[in-house]
Each structure stands twice: as C-alpha cells, then as structure tokens.
Amino acid sequence: MTADLRASPRFALSLWLLAFALPLAGARWLCPDGQCRVPPIDGDLLAALSAMRSPLWDELAAGWTWLGSIVLLGPLLALVALMLARRGRRDEAVFVVGAMAGAVALCQGFKYWIQRPRPGLHELVGALPGDPSFPSAHTMQAAAGLLILALVAPTRWRRPALLLMLVAVLGVALTRLYLQVHFPSDVVVGLLAGWLWVLGCRALLLPAQPSATP
C-alpha cells in the first residue's frame, strides 16, 4: 500500500494526544492533589437513575453491559483480525488488534494511576467491581471495539454498522450508570477517549480510501 493512501501521521498523533489529554484533564478536575471528589452532576444523575429502578431495567442493563466486556470483545476482535488476515487485508487486521490493545492499555493505565474510587452512593445492581473507577473500562472498550468493527465492515454495510455501533455504545455507557458502578464523568471520558484513540489508529494504519467490499 502506498503512502499517499494513508492519512497524515500528524493527524493521527493529534487524535492520540487528545485521547491522552482528555483523561488527564478529567483527573485534574476530579482528583486534584490526589483527593477525588463527586461533582454535583455526577451525584444528581446517579440519583435519578437509581429512582428509575425496576426488575425489567435491572435485567436489561445487566445483559447489555456485557457488550463492553473484554471477555466478549477480545475473542470477537481476534477472530475478525484472523479472518481479515486470511483474506489478505493485513493492514486492517493489524488495525483491529493494535487499536483495541492500545485502547485497553490506555484505559487501564489511567485507572491505576488516578485510583478514583467507585461510586457506592446508591444500591447496586449486582456487584461492585474491584478495580478503580476512572475511566469506565466497559464504556471505553465498547467505544473502541465496536467502532473498530464498524470501520472494517464491508463498504455497503459501513453506515448502518456505524449507527448500530453508536446505539450499542451509548447503551453500554448508560448501563454502567444504571448499575451504579461508575460516575457519569467516568463514562464520558471513556467514551470519547476510546473513539479518539481508534480514529487515530485508523488515520495511521488504514487507507484513506474505503476498503473494497469483499
């Protein structure tokens, strides 16, 4: 593949810098001097969602949130990468693996550096995860993994795939709040950082022109 088909590496770098800068800015706002706080909007939104509790919503949220689990997304993306590589679409295979691995590493790095505690403000739906809260890993993994799948979809399916991706990812983000395991600020940062990271990877690794439909 010739270099002129690729987007500018400077553009990719700018997106990656934004993906790093967003959690950094969030950390400075939420946890100044290492002491994390709960902004009023975080507390108000969690309280509103807690008031909406019902058995039906509990079951729906507990199921939907799995779309952001690495237990589901990891094997799925590995299978997609293998299929792409076997079809000779090696750039896309590298993009799938590299973009997802980078998003997971970025999220986990910030989680254990910032060490924001989980909410614990209202009754949980299920168990409270043991790792730190910021940013939301399920949300960031869903944002990254499902966008990756949409971007490597055949050209004729790409628009509906992007729409489905948006609905699914926003659903995962809402479930993390409904389940009371994340603050809204955790979810917003995870969502945007995941998308920015993947778009930076796309700009560097994939052709600027859309792939041919297999």
Protein backbone atom coordinates (compact mmCIF):
# COMPACT_ATOMS: atom_id res chain seq x y z
CA MET A 1 0.00 0.00 0.00
CA THR A 2 1.47 3.34 -0.99
CA ALA A 3 1.97 6.15 1.45
CA ASP A 4 -0.32 8.58 -0.41
CA LEU A 5 -3.35 6.45 0.51
CA ARG A 6 -2.73 6.98 4.19
CA ALA A 7 -3.92 9.91 6.27
CA SER A 8 -1.29 12.23 7.72
CA PRO A 9 0.63 10.79 10.69
CA ARG A 10 0.36 14.26 12.22
CA PHE A 11 -3.43 13.92 12.22
CA ALA A 12 -3.15 10.52 13.90
CA LEU A 13 -0.80 11.98 16.51
CA SER A 14 -3.19 14.86 17.21
CA LEU A 15 -6.04 12.41 17.87
CA TRP A 16 -3.85 10.31 20.16
CA LEU A 17 -2.79 13.41 22.08
CA LEU A 18 -6.46 14.28 22.59
CA ALA A 19 -7.12 10.72 23.78
CA PHE A 20 -4.40 11.22 26.42
CA ALA A 21 -5.28 14.82 27.25
CA LEU A 22 -8.94 14.12 27.99
CA PRO A 23 -8.33 11.70 30.90
CA LEU A 24 -5.51 13.94 32.16
CA ALA A 25 -7.82 16.95 32.23
CA GLY A 26 -10.53 14.87 33.87
CA ALA A 27 -8.11 13.66 36.52
CA ARG A 28 -7.01 17.21 37.36
CA TRP A 29 -10.65 18.28 37.68
CA LEU A 30 -11.96 15.26 39.59
CA CYS A 31 -8.97 14.35 41.75
CA PRO A 32 -6.90 17.45 42.49
CA ASP A 33 -3.97 16.69 44.78
CA GLY A 34 -4.98 13.02 44.75
CA GLN A 35 -8.25 13.64 46.60
CA CYS A 36 -11.15 12.61 44.36
CA ARG A 37 -14.47 14.41 44.61
CA VAL A 38 -18.00 13.87 43.29
CA PRO A 39 -19.22 16.80 41.15
CA PRO A 40 -22.91 17.63 41.67
CA ILE A 41 -23.85 16.49 38.16
CA ASP A 42 -22.37 13.04 38.87
CA GLY A 43 -24.36 12.64 42.05
CA ASP A 44 -27.59 14.01 40.57
CA LEU A 45 -27.53 11.71 37.53
CA LEU A 46 -26.83 8.62 39.62
CA ALA A 47 -29.65 9.54 41.99
CA ALA A 48 -32.06 9.97 39.05
CA LEU A 49 -31.14 6.59 37.61
CA SER A 50 -31.44 4.91 40.99
CA ALA A 51 -35.01 6.23 41.22
CA MET A 52 -35.83 4.52 37.89
CA ARG A 53 -35.01 1.02 39.17
CA SER A 54 -37.29 -1.83 38.11
CA PRO A 55 -36.76 -5.60 37.66
CA LEU A 56 -37.07 -5.27 33.88
CA TRP A 57 -34.50 -2.50 33.63
CA ASP A 58 -32.21 -4.40 36.00
CA GLU A 59 -32.19 -7.43 33.71
CA LEU A 60 -31.76 -5.35 30.54
CA ALA A 61 -28.86 -3.34 31.97
CA ALA A 62 -27.11 -6.42 33.37
CA GLY A 63 -27.24 -8.08 29.93
CA TRP A 64 -26.46 -5.06 27.74
CA THR A 65 -23.41 -4.08 29.76
CA TRP A 66 -21.65 -7.26 28.55
CA LEU A 67 -21.23 -5.62 25.14
CA GLY A 68 -18.39 -3.69 26.76
CA SER A 69 -16.67 -6.67 28.35
CA ILE A 70 -13.22 -7.63 27.09
CA VAL A 71 -14.27 -11.25 27.68
CA LEU A 72 -16.67 -10.81 24.76
CA LEU A 73 -14.85 -8.22 22.65
CA GLY A 74 -11.36 -9.77 22.88
CA PRO A 75 -12.15 -13.12 21.21
CA LEU A 76 -14.53 -11.45 18.73
CA LEU A 77 -11.93 -8.96 17.54
CA ALA A 78 -9.23 -11.63 17.42
CA LEU A 79 -11.48 -13.72 15.17
CA VAL A 80 -12.20 -10.74 12.91
CA ALA A 81 -8.47 -9.95 12.66
CA LEU A 82 -7.73 -13.57 11.72
CA MET A 83 -10.40 -13.53 9.01
CA LEU A 84 -9.07 -10.25 7.60
CA ALA A 85 -5.51 -11.55 7.55
CA ARG A 86 -6.57 -14.73 5.73
CA ARG A 87 -8.26 -12.57 3.08
CA GLY A 88 -5.09 -10.58 2.52
CA ARG A 89 -6.35 -7.49 4.36
CA ARG A 90 -3.35 -7.37 6.68
CA ASP A 91 -3.42 -3.61 7.31
CA GLU A 92 -6.94 -3.94 8.65
CA ALA A 93 -6.01 -6.97 10.75
CA VAL A 94 -3.16 -5.01 12.35
CA PHE A 95 -5.54 -2.10 12.91
CA VAL A 96 -8.09 -4.32 14.68
CA VAL A 97 -5.56 -5.82 17.09
CA GLY A 98 -3.42 -2.74 17.63
CA ALA A 99 -6.26 -0.29 18.13
CA MET A 100 -8.05 -2.49 20.66
CA ALA A 101 -4.91 -3.41 22.57
CA GLY A 102 -3.90 0.24 22.75
CA ALA A 103 -7.33 1.33 23.97
CA VAL A 104 -7.30 -1.28 26.75
CA ALA A 105 -3.76 -0.33 27.80
CA LEU A 106 -4.62 3.37 27.81
CA CYS A 107 -7.71 2.82 29.93
CA GLN A 108 -6.04 0.54 32.46
CA GLY A 109 -3.04 2.83 32.73
CA PHE A 110 -5.20 5.79 33.70
CA LYS A 111 -7.37 3.68 36.01
CA TYR A 112 -4.48 2.56 38.20
CA TRP A 113 -2.67 5.88 38.04
CA ILE A 114 -5.66 8.01 39.08
CA GLN A 115 -7.22 5.49 41.52
CA ARG A 116 -10.67 7.09 41.67
CA PRO A 117 -12.96 5.08 43.99
CA ARG A 118 -16.19 3.56 42.67
CA PRO A 119 -19.44 5.44 43.45
CA GLY A 120 -21.18 3.43 46.20
CA LEU A 121 -23.82 6.17 46.53
CA HIS A 122 -26.92 4.05 45.88
CA GLU A 123 -27.98 0.42 45.90
CA LEU A 124 -26.05 -1.62 43.34
CA VAL A 125 -27.47 -3.87 40.65
CA GLY A 126 -25.02 -6.76 41.01
CA ALA A 127 -21.53 -6.50 42.48
CA LEU A 128 -19.18 -3.53 42.63
CA PRO A 129 -16.01 -4.22 40.56
CA GLY A 130 -12.77 -4.17 42.49
CA ASP A 131 -10.70 -2.00 40.13
CA PRO A 132 -10.65 1.84 40.14
CA SER A 133 -13.46 3.80 38.54
CA PHE A 134 -11.92 6.35 36.15
CA PRO A 135 -12.30 5.99 33.22
CA SER A 136 -15.02 3.38 32.60
CA ALA A 137 -13.34 0.34 31.03
CA HIS A 138 -16.59 -1.18 29.75
CA THR A 139 -17.52 2.08 28.06
CA MET A 140 -14.07 2.67 26.57
CA GLN A 141 -13.78 -0.94 25.39
CA ALA A 142 -17.22 -0.79 23.78
CA ALA A 143 -16.46 2.56 22.16
CA ALA A 144 -13.17 1.28 20.78
CA GLY A 145 -14.11 -2.30 19.90
CA LEU A 146 -17.44 -1.62 18.25
CA LEU A 147 -16.07 1.34 16.28
CA ILE A 148 -13.24 -0.90 15.06
CA LEU A 149 -15.77 -3.47 13.85
CA ALA A 150 -17.79 -0.79 12.06
CA LEU A 151 -14.71 0.64 10.34
CA VAL A 152 -13.63 -2.72 8.89
CA ALA A 153 -17.15 -3.68 7.81
CA PRO A 154 -17.75 -4.03 4.05
CA THR A 155 -18.33 -0.63 2.45
CA ARG A 156 -22.03 -1.17 1.76
CA TRP A 157 -22.65 -2.03 5.43
CA ARG A 158 -20.49 0.67 6.98
CA ARG A 159 -23.14 3.33 7.59
CA PRO A 160 -25.65 1.02 9.25
CA ALA A 161 -22.75 -0.54 11.19
CA LEU A 162 -21.73 2.89 12.49
CA LEU A 163 -25.31 3.62 13.53
CA LEU A 164 -25.62 0.28 15.34
CA MET A 165 -22.25 0.93 16.98
CA LEU A 166 -23.45 4.29 18.29
CA VAL A 167 -26.65 2.82 19.76
CA ALA A 168 -24.81 -0.13 21.33
CA VAL A 169 -22.04 2.01 22.86
CA LEU A 170 -24.42 4.59 24.30
CA GLY A 171 -26.40 1.70 25.74
CA VAL A 172 -23.30 0.31 27.44
CA ALA A 173 -22.49 3.77 28.83
CA LEU A 174 -25.98 4.08 30.31
CA THR A 175 -25.83 0.60 31.84
CA ARG A 176 -22.66 1.48 33.75
CA LEU A 177 -24.54 4.37 35.35
CA TYR A 178 -27.76 2.45 35.91
CA LEU A 179 -25.85 -0.36 37.59
CA GLN A 180 -24.27 2.29 39.86
CA VAL A 181 -20.72 1.11 39.17
CA HIS A 182 -19.46 4.32 37.52
CA PHE A 183 -19.86 8.07 37.73
CA PRO A 184 -21.09 9.89 34.60
CA SER A 185 -17.67 11.57 34.27
CA ASP A 186 -16.01 8.11 34.13
CA VAL A 187 -18.31 7.14 31.27
CA VAL A 188 -18.00 10.34 29.23
CA VAL A 189 -14.20 10.28 29.34
CA GLY A 190 -14.07 6.56 28.47
CA LEU A 191 -16.42 7.07 25.54
CA LEU A 192 -14.55 9.99 23.97
CA ALA A 193 -11.06 8.67 24.69
CA GLY A 194 -11.94 5.30 23.12
CA TRP A 195 -13.24 6.89 19.94
CA LEU A 196 -10.33 9.32 19.65
CA TRP A 197 -7.77 6.54 20.11
CA VAL A 198 -9.34 4.32 17.45
CA LEU A 199 -9.72 7.15 14.94
CA GLY A 200 -6.06 7.98 15.44
CA CYS A 201 -5.14 4.36 14.72
CA ARG A 202 -7.35 4.39 11.64
CA ALA A 203 -5.68 7.55 10.36
CA LEU A 204 -2.26 5.93 10.64
CA LEU A 205 -2.92 2.30 9.73
CA LEU A 206 -5.76 2.22 7.22
CA PRO A 207 -6.05 3.61 3.70
CA ALA A 208 -7.72 6.99 3.36
CA GLN A 209 -9.93 5.44 0.70
CA PRO A 210 -12.56 2.93 1.84
CA SER A 211 -11.68 -0.73 1.56
CA ALA A 212 -13.18 -2.72 -1.26
CA THR A 213 -16.16 -4.86 -0.41
CA PRO A 214 -15.03 -8.48 -0.06
